[in-house]
């Protein structure tokens, strides 16, 4: 059986001085949406590298989305199986 599924992920960044904030949103095939945020702060002695701040803040937002998706999956496993599953925690 072949199934093609697509998720749409949107990521926006806001730069303010030494701070970068990322906002992420994923829309699943069942219509569920998850939103997450990530932040990065540049140390005053570091050179300005806007892309690096975006990468760090974006990665942190995606890690938050990943955690939310794992929780959703385990909730669905629990409901279907009648048992308690144990998500891996970091």
PDB file of N, CA and C in Angstrom:
ATOM      1  N   UNK A   1       0.837  -1.164   0.000  1.00  0.00           N
ATOM      2  CA  UNK A   1       0.000   0.000   0.000  1.00  0.00           C
ATOM      3  C   UNK A   1       0.895   1.245   0.000  1.00  0.00           C
ATOM      4  N   UNK A   2       0.648   2.146  -0.931  1.00  0.00           N
ATOM      5  CA  UNK A   2       1.373   3.409  -0.992  1.00  0.00           C
ATOM      6  C   UNK A   2       0.439   4.546  -0.619  1.00  0.00           C
ATOM      7  N   UNK A   3       0.873   5.352   0.301  1.00  0.00           N
ATOM      8  CA  UNK A   3       0.093   6.509   0.717  1.00  0.00           C
ATOM      9  C   UNK A   3       0.996   7.725   0.686  1.00  0.00           C
ATOM     10  N   UNK A   4       0.524   8.774   0.055  1.00  0.00           N
ATOM     11  CA  UNK A   4       1.270  10.017   0.008  1.00  0.00           C
ATOM     12  C   UNK A   4       0.576  11.030   0.913  1.00  0.00           C
ATOM     13  N   UNK A   5       1.306  11.508   1.894  1.00  0.00           N
ATOM     14  CA  UNK A   5       0.767  12.472   2.841  1.00  0.00           C
ATOM     15  C   UNK A   5       1.703  13.660   2.872  1.00  0.00           C
ATOM     16  N   UNK A   6       1.141  14.837   2.972  1.00  0.00           N
ATOM     17  CA  UNK A   6       1.975  16.026   3.065  1.00  0.00           C
ATOM     18  C   UNK A   6       1.583  16.877   4.254  1.00  0.00           C
ATOM     19  N   UNK A   7       2.569  17.448   4.879  1.00  0.00           N
ATOM     20  CA  UNK A   7       2.357  18.416   5.950  1.00  0.00           C
ATOM     21  C   UNK A   7       2.882  19.753   5.466  1.00  0.00           C
ATOM     22  N   UNK A   8       2.239  20.796   5.884  1.00  0.00           N
ATOM     23  CA  UNK A   8       2.687  22.142   5.540  1.00  0.00           C
ATOM     24  C   UNK A   8       3.221  22.794   6.803  1.00  0.00           C
ATOM     25  N   UNK A   9       4.465  23.198   6.755  1.00  0.00           N
ATOM     26  CA  UNK A   9       5.089  23.850   7.897  1.00  0.00           C
ATOM     27  C   UNK A   9       5.433  25.276   7.495  1.00  0.00           C
ATOM     28  N   UNK A  10       5.022  26.216   8.327  1.00  0.00           N
ATOM     29  CA  UNK A  10       5.349  27.624   8.090  1.00  0.00           C
ATOM     30  C   UNK A  10       6.268  28.084   9.204  1.00  0.00           C
ATOM     31  N   UNK A  11       7.257  28.897   8.831  1.00  0.00           N
ATOM     32  CA  UNK A  11       8.212  29.405   9.811  1.00  0.00           C
ATOM     33  C   UNK A  11       8.427  30.886   9.532  1.00  0.00           C
ATOM     34  N   UNK A  12       8.306  31.684  10.574  1.00  0.00           N
ATOM     35  CA  UNK A  12       8.554  33.126  10.450  1.00  0.00           C
ATOM     36  C   UNK A  12       9.571  33.534  11.497  1.00  0.00           C
ATOM     37  N   UNK A  13      10.367  34.547  11.165  1.00  0.00           N
ATOM     38  CA  UNK A  13      11.408  35.019  12.068  1.00  0.00           C
ATOM     39  C   UNK A  13      11.235  36.503  12.338  1.00  0.00           C
ATOM     40  N   UNK A  14      11.581  36.896  13.545  1.00  0.00           N
ATOM     41  CA  UNK A  14      11.585  38.307  13.910  1.00  0.00           C
ATOM     42  C   UNK A  14      12.927  38.603  14.571  1.00  0.00           C
ATOM     43  N   UNK A  15      13.628  39.566  14.027  1.00  0.00           N
ATOM     44  CA  UNK A  15      14.936  39.955  14.548  1.00  0.00           C
ATOM     45  C   UNK A  15      14.784  41.283  15.276  1.00  0.00           C
ATOM     46  N   UNK A  16      15.262  41.336  16.509  1.00  0.00           N
ATOM     47  CA  UNK A  16      15.267  42.578  17.287  1.00  0.00           C
ATOM     48  C   UNK A  16      16.585  42.662  18.031  1.00  0.00           C
ATOM     49  N   UNK A  17      17.475  43.496  17.539  1.00  0.00           N
ATOM     50  CA  UNK A  17      18.778  43.637  18.183  1.00  0.00           C
ATOM     51  C   UNK A  17      19.521  42.316  18.206  1.00  0.00           C
ATOM     52  N   UNK A  18      19.861  41.860  19.408  1.00  0.00           N
ATOM     53  CA  UNK A  18      20.607  40.608  19.568  1.00  0.00           C
ATOM     54  C   UNK A  18      19.701  39.386  19.695  1.00  0.00           C
ATOM     55  N   UNK A  19      18.394  39.575  19.519  1.00  0.00           N
ATOM     56  CA  UNK A  19      17.439  38.478  19.721  1.00  0.00           C
ATOM     57  C   UNK A  19      16.789  38.076  18.404  1.00  0.00           C
ATOM     58  N   UNK A  20      16.602  36.789  18.235  1.00  0.00           N
ATOM     59  CA  UNK A  20      15.860  36.243  17.103  1.00  0.00           C
ATOM     60  C   UNK A  20      14.764  35.353  17.653  1.00  0.00           C
ATOM     61  N   UNK A  21      13.565  35.533  17.144  1.00  0.00           N
ATOM     62  CA  UNK A  21      12.410  34.718  17.566  1.00  0.00           C
ATOM     63  C   UNK A  21      11.855  34.021  16.335  1.00  0.00           C
ATOM     64  N   UNK A  22      11.586  32.743  16.464  1.00  0.00           N
ATOM     65  CA  UNK A  22      10.989  31.968  15.379  1.00  0.00           C
ATOM     66  C   UNK A  22       9.603  31.513  15.811  1.00  0.00           C
ATOM     67  N   UNK A  23       8.663  31.587  14.902  1.00  0.00           N
ATOM     68  CA  UNK A  23       7.312  31.061  15.120  1.00  0.00           C
ATOM     69  C   UNK A  23       7.065  30.017  14.044  1.00  0.00           C
ATOM     70  N   UNK A  24       6.683  28.824  14.471  1.00  0.00           N
ATOM     71  CA  UNK A  24       6.457  27.719  13.536  1.00  0.00           C
ATOM     72  C   UNK A  24       5.028  27.206  13.686  1.00  0.00           C
ATOM     73  N   UNK A  25       4.485  26.735  12.586  1.00  0.00           N
ATOM     74  CA  UNK A  25       3.153  26.152  12.596  1.00  0.00           C
ATOM     75  C   UNK A  25       3.148  24.994  11.597  1.00  0.00           C
ATOM     76  N   UNK A  26       2.595  23.870  12.026  1.00  0.00           N
ATOM     77  CA  UNK A  26       2.432  22.727  11.131  1.00  0.00           C
ATOM     78  C   UNK A  26       0.951  22.395  11.055  1.00  0.00           C
ATOM     79  N   UNK A  27       0.505  22.096   9.856  1.00  0.00           N
ATOM     80  CA  UNK A  27      -0.888  21.712   9.611  1.00  0.00           C
ATOM     81  C   UNK A  27      -0.871  20.265   9.127  1.00  0.00           C
ATOM     82  N   UNK A  28      -1.534  19.386   9.887  1.00  0.00           N
ATOM     83  CA  UNK A  28      -1.570  17.966   9.553  1.00  0.00           C
ATOM     84  C   UNK A  28      -2.731  17.664   8.615  1.00  0.00           C
ATOM     85  N   UNK A  29      -2.694  16.476   8.048  1.00  0.00           N
ATOM     86  CA  UNK A  29      -3.723  16.061   7.108  1.00  0.00           C
ATOM     87  C   UNK A  29      -5.115  16.001   7.701  1.00  0.00           C
ATOM     88  N   UNK A  30      -5.207  15.806   9.033  1.00  0.00           N
ATOM     89  CA  UNK A  30      -6.527  15.747   9.671  1.00  0.00           C
ATOM     90  C   UNK A  30      -7.031  17.134  10.081  1.00  0.00           C
ATOM     91  N   UNK A  31      -6.290  18.179   9.694  1.00  0.00           N
ATOM     92  CA  UNK A  31      -6.699  19.543  10.007  1.00  0.00           C
ATOM     93  C   UNK A  31      -6.139  20.084  11.306  1.00  0.00           C
ATOM     94  N   UNK A  32      -5.488  19.232  12.088  1.00  0.00           N
ATOM     95  CA  UNK A  32      -4.882  19.676  13.344  1.00  0.00           C
ATOM     96  C   UNK A  32      -3.731  20.632  13.047  1.00  0.00           C
ATOM     97  N   UNK A  33      -3.642  21.681  13.831  1.00  0.00           N
ATOM     98  CA  UNK A  33      -2.528  22.626  13.721  1.00  0.00           C
ATOM     99  C   UNK A  33      -1.794  22.694  15.057  1.00  0.00           C
ATOM    100  N   UNK A  34      -0.483  22.729  14.976  1.00  0.00           N
ATOM    101  CA  UNK A  34       0.356  22.933  16.153  1.00  0.00           C
ATOM    102  C   UNK A  34       1.211  24.162  15.906  1.00  0.00           C
ATOM    103  N   UNK A  35       1.392  24.946  16.959  1.00  0.00           N
ATOM    104  CA  UNK A  35       2.223  26.148  16.878  1.00  0.00           C
ATOM    105  C   UNK A  35       3.305  26.077  17.945  1.00  0.00           C
ATOM    106  N   UNK A  36       4.464  26.628  17.608  1.00  0.00           N
ATOM    107  CA  UNK A  36       5.584  26.594  18.540  1.00  0.00           C
ATOM    108  C   UNK A  36       6.466  27.815  18.314  1.00  0.00           C
ATOM    109  N   UNK A  37       7.283  28.099  19.315  1.00  0.00           N
ATOM    110  CA  UNK A  37       8.203  29.229  19.232  1.00  0.00           C
ATOM    111  C   UNK A  37       9.592  28.793  19.665  1.00  0.00           C
ATOM    112  N   UNK A  38      10.576  29.497  19.158  1.00  0.00           N
ATOM    113  CA  UNK A  38      11.958  29.278  19.569  1.00  0.00           C
ATOM    114  C   UNK A  38      12.672  30.614  19.603  1.00  0.00           C
ATOM    115  N   UNK A  39      13.654  30.730  20.476  1.00  0.00           N
ATOM    116  CA  UNK A  39      14.401  31.974  20.626  1.00  0.00           C
ATOM    117  C   UNK A  39      15.890  31.713  20.538  1.00  0.00           C
ATOM    118  N   UNK A  40      16.606  32.736  20.101  1.00  0.00           N
ATOM    119  CA  UNK A  40      18.066  32.714  20.114  1.00  0.00           C
ATOM    120  C   UNK A  40      18.535  34.099  20.528  1.00  0.00           C
ATOM    121  N   UNK A  41      19.567  34.128  21.317  1.00  0.00           N
ATOM    122  CA  UNK A  41      20.140  35.388  21.778  1.00  0.00           C
ATOM    123  C   UNK A  41      21.628  35.409  21.441  1.00  0.00           C
ATOM    124  N   UNK A  42      22.049  36.463  20.751  1.00  0.00           N
ATOM    125  CA  UNK A  42      23.456  36.608  20.391  1.00  0.00           C
ATOM    126  C   UNK A  42      24.188  37.268  21.543  1.00  0.00           C
ATOM    127  N   UNK A  43      25.304  36.690  21.899  1.00  0.00           N
ATOM    128  CA  UNK A  43      26.145  37.305  22.922  1.00  0.00           C
ATOM    129  C   UNK A  43      26.718  38.600  22.356  1.00  0.00           C
ATOM    130  N   UNK A  44      26.760  39.671  23.156  1.00  0.00           N
ATOM    131  CA  UNK A  44      27.239  40.964  22.649  1.00  0.00           C
ATOM    132  C   UNK A  44      28.636  40.926  22.021  1.00  0.00           C
ATOM    133  N   UNK A  45      29.479  39.995  22.432  1.00  0.00           N
ATOM    134  CA  UNK A  45      30.830  39.931  21.868  1.00  0.00           C
ATOM    135  C   UNK A  45      30.891  39.134  20.561  1.00  0.00           C
ATOM    136  N   UNK A  46      29.797  38.447  20.196  1.00  0.00           N
ATOM    137  CA  UNK A  46      29.778  37.668  18.949  1.00  0.00           C
ATOM    138  C   UNK A  46      29.456  38.572  17.768  1.00  0.00           C
ATOM    139  N   UNK A  47      30.003  38.263  16.587  1.00  0.00           N
ATOM    140  CA  UNK A  47      29.678  39.054  15.393  1.00  0.00           C
ATOM    141  C   UNK A  47      28.234  38.815  14.964  1.00  0.00           C
ATOM    142  N   UNK A  48      27.657  39.783  14.273  1.00  0.00           N
ATOM    143  CA  UNK A  48      26.287  39.624  13.767  1.00  0.00           C
ATOM    144  C   UNK A  48      26.265  38.591  12.650  1.00  0.00           C
ATOM    145  N   UNK A  49      25.454  37.574  12.829  1.00  0.00           N
ATOM    146  CA  UNK A  49      25.228  36.543  11.820  1.00  0.00           C
ATOM    147  C   UNK A  49      23.748  36.190  11.884  1.00  0.00           C
ATOM    148  N   UNK A  50      22.935  36.954  11.184  1.00  0.00           N
ATOM    149  CA  UNK A  50      21.489  36.785  11.283  1.00  0.00           C
ATOM    150  C   UNK A  50      21.052  35.357  10.963  1.00  0.00           C
ATOM    151  N   UNK A  51      21.678  34.743   9.992  1.00  0.00           N
ATOM    152  CA  UNK A  51      21.299  33.390   9.592  1.00  0.00           C
ATOM    153  C   UNK A  51      21.475  32.401  10.743  1.00  0.00           C
ATOM    154  N   UNK A  52      22.527  32.569  11.530  1.00  0.00           N
ATOM    155  CA  UNK A  52      22.778  31.664  12.650  1.00  0.00           C
ATOM    156  C   UNK A  52      21.667  31.797  13.690  1.00  0.00           C
ATOM    157  N   UNK A  53      21.254  33.014  13.992  1.00  0.00           N
ATOM    158  CA  UNK A  53      20.151  33.214  14.928  1.00  0.00           C
ATOM    159  C   UNK A  53      18.870  32.564  14.438  1.00  0.00           C
ATOM    160  N   UNK A  54      18.623  32.693  13.127  1.00  0.00           N
ATOM    161  CA  UNK A  54      17.433  32.050  12.552  1.00  0.00           C
ATOM    162  C   UNK A  54      17.524  30.538  12.671  1.00  0.00           C
ATOM    163  N   UNK A  55      18.696  29.978  12.405  1.00  0.00           N
ATOM    164  CA  UNK A  55      18.857  28.521  12.467  1.00  0.00           C
ATOM    165  C   UNK A  55      18.638  28.005  13.887  1.00  0.00           C
ATOM    166  N   UNK A  56      19.182  28.707  14.867  1.00  0.00           N
ATOM    167  CA  UNK A  56      19.023  28.264  16.256  1.00  0.00           C
ATOM    168  C   UNK A  56      17.575  28.423  16.711  1.00  0.00           C
ATOM    169  N   UNK A  57      17.001  29.596  16.482  1.00  0.00           N
ATOM    170  CA  UNK A  57      15.609  29.815  16.893  1.00  0.00           C
ATOM    171  C   UNK A  57      14.676  28.867  16.145  1.00  0.00           C
ATOM    172  N   UNK A  58      14.915  28.677  14.853  1.00  0.00           N
ATOM    173  CA  UNK A  58      14.089  27.765  14.056  1.00  0.00           C
ATOM    174  C   UNK A  58      14.192  26.334  14.540  1.00  0.00           C
ATOM    175  N   UNK A  59      15.405  25.886  14.851  1.00  0.00           N
ATOM    176  CA  UNK A  59      15.593  24.522  15.356  1.00  0.00           C
ATOM    177  C   UNK A  59      14.855  24.323  16.676  1.00  0.00           C
ATOM    178  N   UNK A  60      14.905  25.328  17.530  1.00  0.00           N
ATOM    179  CA  UNK A  60      14.209  25.215  18.819  1.00  0.00           C
ATOM    180  C   UNK A  60      12.698  25.175  18.633  1.00  0.00           C
ATOM    181  N   UNK A  61      12.184  25.934  17.684  1.00  0.00           N
ATOM    182  CA  UNK A  61      10.745  25.888  17.396  1.00  0.00           C
ATOM    183  C   UNK A  61      10.361  24.520  16.835  1.00  0.00           C
ATOM    184  N   UNK A  62      11.188  23.968  15.950  1.00  0.00           N
ATOM    185  CA  UNK A  62      10.905  22.648  15.375  1.00  0.00           C
ATOM    186  C   UNK A  62      10.989  21.552  16.433  1.00  0.00           C
ATOM    187  N   UNK A  63      11.899  21.702  17.394  1.00  0.00           N
ATOM    188  CA  UNK A  63      11.973  20.727  18.491  1.00  0.00           C
ATOM    189  C   UNK A  63      10.695  20.755  19.318  1.00  0.00           C
ATOM    190  N   UNK A  64      10.155  21.946  19.523  1.00  0.00           N
ATOM    191  CA  UNK A  64       8.886  22.071  20.250  1.00  0.00           C
ATOM    192  C   UNK A  64       7.759  21.413  19.454  1.00  0.00           C
ATOM    193  N   UNK A  65       7.725  21.641  18.134  1.00  0.00           N
ATOM    194  CA  UNK A  65       6.708  20.987  17.301  1.00  0.00           C
ATOM    195  C   UNK A  65       6.847  19.472  17.374  1.00  0.00           C
ATOM    196  N   UNK A  66       8.079  18.980  17.314  1.00  0.00           N
ATOM    197  CA  UNK A  66       8.309  17.535  17.380  1.00  0.00           C
ATOM    198  C   UNK A  66       7.760  16.958  18.677  1.00  0.00           C
ATOM    199  N   UNK A  67       7.980  17.651  19.778  1.00  0.00           N
ATOM    200  CA  UNK A  67       7.473  17.195  21.069  1.00  0.00           C
ATOM    201  C   UNK A  67       5.952  17.139  21.077  1.00  0.00           C
ATOM    202  N   UNK A  68       5.318  18.157  20.511  1.00  0.00           N
ATOM    203  CA  UNK A  68       3.855  18.177  20.451  1.00  0.00           C
ATOM    204  C   UNK A  68       3.318  17.048  19.572  1.00  0.00           C
ATOM    205  N   UNK A  69       3.996  16.768  18.467  1.00  0.00           N
ATOM    206  CA  UNK A  69       3.565  15.685  17.577  1.00  0.00           C
ATOM    207  C   UNK A  69       3.718  14.327  18.255  1.00  0.00           C
ATOM    208  N   UNK A  70       4.813  14.137  18.995  1.00  0.00           N
ATOM    209  CA  UNK A  70       4.985  12.883  19.734  1.00  0.00           C
ATOM    210  C   UNK A  70       3.881  12.697  20.767  1.00  0.00           C
ATOM    211  N   UNK A  71       3.537  13.773  21.449  1.00  0.00           N
ATOM    212  CA  UNK A  71       2.477  13.682  22.462  1.00  0.00           C
ATOM    213  C   UNK A  71       1.145  13.319  21.820  1.00  0.00           C
ATOM    214  N   UNK A  72       0.846  13.920  20.670  1.00  0.00           N
ATOM    215  CA  UNK A  72      -0.390  13.603  19.945  1.00  0.00           C
ATOM    216  C   UNK A  72      -0.412  12.129  19.544  1.00  0.00           C
ATOM    217  N   UNK A  73       0.704  11.649  19.018  1.00  0.00           N
ATOM    218  CA  UNK A  73       0.776  10.252  18.585  1.00  0.00           C
ATOM    219  C   UNK A  73       0.579   9.306  19.764  1.00  0.00           C
ATOM    220  N   UNK A  74       1.206   9.602  20.887  1.00  0.00           N
ATOM    221  CA  UNK A  74       1.059   8.724  22.045  1.00  0.00           C
ATOM    222  C   UNK A  74      -0.343   8.773  22.630  1.00  0.00           C
ATOM    223  N   UNK A  75      -0.982   9.911  22.572  1.00  0.00           N
ATOM    224  CA  UNK A  75      -2.378  10.000  23.015  1.00  0.00           C
ATOM    225  C   UNK A  75      -3.255   9.117  22.135  1.00  0.00           C
ATOM    226  N   UNK A  76      -3.011   9.146  20.821  1.00  0.00           N
ATOM    227  CA  UNK A  76      -3.798   8.313  19.908  1.00  0.00           C
ATOM    228  C   UNK A  76      -3.503   6.830  20.122  1.00  0.00           C
ATOM    229  N   UNK A  77      -2.252   6.479  20.401  1.00  0.00           N
ATOM    230  CA  UNK A  77      -1.901   5.085  20.699  1.00  0.00           C
ATOM    231  C   UNK A  77      -2.634   4.631  21.957  1.00  0.00           C
ATOM    232  N   UNK A  78      -2.605   5.474  22.984  1.00  0.00           N
ATOM    233  CA  UNK A  78      -3.270   5.135  24.250  1.00  0.00           C
ATOM    234  C   UNK A  78      -4.767   4.924  24.057  1.00  0.00           C
ATOM    235  N   UNK A  79      -5.399   5.816  23.299  1.00  0.00           N
ATOM    236  CA  UNK A  79      -6.839   5.711  23.072  1.00  0.00           C
ATOM    237  C   UNK A  79      -7.187   4.449  22.291  1.00  0.00           C
ATOM    238  N   UNK A  80      -6.362   4.091  21.313  1.00  0.00           N
ATOM    239  CA  UNK A  80      -6.651   2.919  20.486  1.00  0.00           C
ATOM    240  C   UNK A  80      -6.340   1.606  21.211  1.00  0.00           C
ATOM    241  N   UNK A  81      -5.312   1.606  22.053  1.00  0.00           N
ATOM    242  CA  UNK A  81      -4.874   0.362  22.678  1.00  0.00           C
ATOM    243  C   UNK A  81      -5.428   0.163  24.079  1.00  0.00           C
ATOM    244  N   UNK A  82      -5.868   1.241  24.718  1.00  0.00           N
ATOM    245  CA  UNK A  82      -6.334   1.128  26.087  1.00  0.00           C
ATOM    246  C   UNK A  82      -5.193   1.001  27.083  1.00  0.00           C
ATOM    247  N   UNK A  83      -3.972   1.188  26.624  1.00  0.00           N
ATOM    248  CA  UNK A  83      -2.796   1.122  27.502  1.00  0.00           C
ATOM    249  C   UNK A  83      -2.123   2.484  27.524  1.00  0.00           C
ATOM    250  N   UNK A  84      -1.186   2.622  28.429  1.00  0.00           N
ATOM    251  CA  UNK A  84      -0.428   3.868  28.498  1.00  0.00           C
ATOM    252  C   UNK A  84       0.917   3.657  27.808  1.00  0.00           C
ATOM    253  N   UNK A  85       1.157   4.458  26.789  1.00  0.00           N
ATOM    254  CA  UNK A  85       2.448   4.404  26.099  1.00  0.00           C
ATOM    255  C   UNK A  85       3.390   5.394  26.784  1.00  0.00           C
ATOM    256  N   UNK A  86       4.652   5.260  26.517  1.00  0.00           N
ATOM    257  CA  UNK A  86       5.639   6.101  27.175  1.00  0.00           C
ATOM    258  C   UNK A  86       6.519   6.790  26.145  1.00  0.00           C
ATOM    259  N   UNK A  87       6.224   8.053  25.888  1.00  0.00           N
ATOM    260  CA  UNK A  87       7.058   8.792  24.925  1.00  0.00           C
ATOM    261  C   UNK A  87       8.472   8.940  25.446  1.00  0.00           C
ATOM    262  N   UNK A  88       9.410   8.959  24.534  1.00  0.00           N
ATOM    263  CA  UNK A  88      10.805   9.194  24.897  1.00  0.00           C
ATOM    264  C   UNK A  88      10.954  10.655  25.268  1.00  0.00           C
ATOM    265  N   UNK A  89      11.528  10.928  26.395  1.00  0.00           N
ATOM    266  CA  UNK A  89      11.742  12.311  26.864  1.00  0.00           C
ATOM    267  C   UNK A  89      13.225  12.631  26.747  1.00  0.00           C
ATOM    268  N   UNK A  90      13.495  13.868  26.421  1.00  0.00           N
ATOM    269  CA  UNK A  90      14.894  14.320  26.370  1.00  0.00           C
ATOM    270  C   UNK A  90      15.140  15.249  27.516  1.00  0.00           C
TER     271      UNK A  90
END
